[in-house]
N, C-alpha and C. Protein backbone atom coordinates (compact mmCIF):
# COMPACT_ATOMS: atom_id res chain seq x y z
N MET A 1 -16.11 150.35 -103.82
CA MET A 1 -16.01 150.57 -105.27
C MET A 1 -17.30 150.08 -105.96
N GLU A 2 -17.82 148.96 -105.46
CA GLU A 2 -19.05 148.43 -106.07
C GLU A 2 -20.21 149.40 -105.89
N ALA A 3 -20.26 150.05 -104.72
CA ALA A 3 -21.34 151.01 -104.46
C ALA A 3 -21.30 152.14 -105.48
N PHE A 4 -20.09 152.58 -105.83
CA PHE A 4 -19.95 153.67 -106.81
C PHE A 4 -20.46 153.23 -108.17
N VAL A 5 -20.15 152.00 -108.55
CA VAL A 5 -20.59 151.48 -109.85
C VAL A 5 -22.11 151.36 -109.90
N TYR A 6 -22.69 150.81 -108.82
CA TYR A 6 -24.15 150.66 -108.78
C TYR A 6 -24.84 152.01 -108.81
N THR A 7 -24.28 152.99 -108.08
CA THR A 7 -24.87 154.33 -108.05
C THR A 7 -24.79 154.95 -109.44
N PHE A 8 -23.64 154.78 -110.11
CA PHE A 8 -23.47 155.34 -111.45
C PHE A 8 -24.48 154.73 -112.43
N LEU A 9 -24.65 153.42 -112.36
CA LEU A 9 -25.61 152.75 -113.25
C LEU A 9 -27.03 153.22 -112.97
N LEU A 10 -27.37 153.39 -111.69
CA LEU A 10 -28.71 153.83 -111.33
C LEU A 10 -28.98 155.23 -111.84
N VAL A 11 -28.04 156.14 -111.61
CA VAL A 11 -28.21 157.53 -112.05
C VAL A 11 -28.27 157.60 -113.58
N SER A 12 -27.41 156.85 -114.26
CA SER A 12 -27.40 156.89 -115.72
C SER A 12 -28.71 156.34 -116.28
N THR A 13 -29.23 155.28 -115.68
CA THR A 13 -30.49 154.70 -116.15
C THR A 13 -31.64 155.68 -115.96
N LEU A 14 -31.70 156.30 -114.77
CA LEU A 14 -32.77 157.28 -114.50
C LEU A 14 -32.63 158.46 -115.45
N GLY A 15 -31.40 158.87 -115.74
CA GLY A 15 -31.17 160.00 -116.64
C GLY A 15 -31.66 159.69 -118.04
N ILE A 16 -31.37 158.48 -118.52
CA ILE A 16 -31.80 158.09 -119.87
C ILE A 16 -33.33 158.06 -119.95
N ILE A 17 -33.96 157.49 -118.93
CA ILE A 17 -35.43 157.43 -118.93
C ILE A 17 -36.02 158.83 -118.88
N PHE A 18 -35.44 159.70 -118.04
CA PHE A 18 -35.95 161.06 -117.90
C PHE A 18 -35.86 161.82 -119.23
N PHE A 19 -34.67 161.73 -119.89
CA PHE A 19 -34.51 162.44 -121.16
C PHE A 19 -35.39 161.85 -122.24
N ALA A 20 -35.60 160.54 -122.21
CA ALA A 20 -36.46 159.90 -123.21
C ALA A 20 -37.88 160.44 -123.10
N ILE A 21 -38.40 160.51 -121.87
CA ILE A 21 -39.76 161.02 -121.67
C ILE A 21 -39.81 162.51 -121.97
N PHE A 22 -38.76 163.24 -121.55
CA PHE A 22 -38.75 164.69 -121.72
C PHE A 22 -38.76 165.08 -123.20
N PHE A 23 -37.98 164.36 -124.02
CA PHE A 23 -37.91 164.69 -125.44
C PHE A 23 -39.06 164.06 -126.22
N ARG A 24 -39.69 163.03 -125.67
CA ARG A 24 -40.79 162.37 -126.37
C ARG A 24 -41.99 163.32 -126.43
N GLU A 25 -42.37 163.89 -125.29
CA GLU A 25 -43.47 164.84 -125.28
C GLU A 25 -43.06 166.06 -124.46
N PRO A 26 -43.07 167.25 -125.08
CA PRO A 26 -42.64 168.48 -124.41
C PRO A 26 -43.51 168.76 -123.19
N PRO A 27 -42.89 169.27 -122.13
CA PRO A 27 -43.65 169.59 -120.92
C PRO A 27 -44.68 170.68 -121.18
N LYS A 28 -45.90 170.46 -120.72
CA LYS A 28 -46.96 171.44 -120.96
C LYS A 28 -46.89 172.57 -119.94
N VAL A 29 -46.20 172.33 -118.83
CA VAL A 29 -46.06 173.36 -117.80
C VAL A 29 -44.65 173.94 -117.86
N PRO A 30 -44.52 175.25 -118.04
CA PRO A 30 -43.19 175.88 -118.11
C PRO A 30 -42.42 175.65 -116.82
N ILE A 31 -41.14 175.32 -116.98
CA ILE A 31 -40.30 175.06 -115.81
C ILE A 31 -39.74 176.38 -115.28
N LYS A 32 -39.94 176.60 -114.00
CA LYS A 32 -39.41 177.83 -113.38
C LYS A 32 -38.17 177.49 -112.58
N LYS A 33 -37.09 178.19 -112.87
CA LYS A 33 -35.84 177.92 -112.13
C LYS A 33 -35.85 178.65 -110.80
């Protein structure tokens, strides 16, 4: 159970940092799916 909590916290933290950087300055290179 602890592993799940730690994984959730890690993913959520990385997600927040990623969105913060992504919305702070728009990507200059178009993303291709």
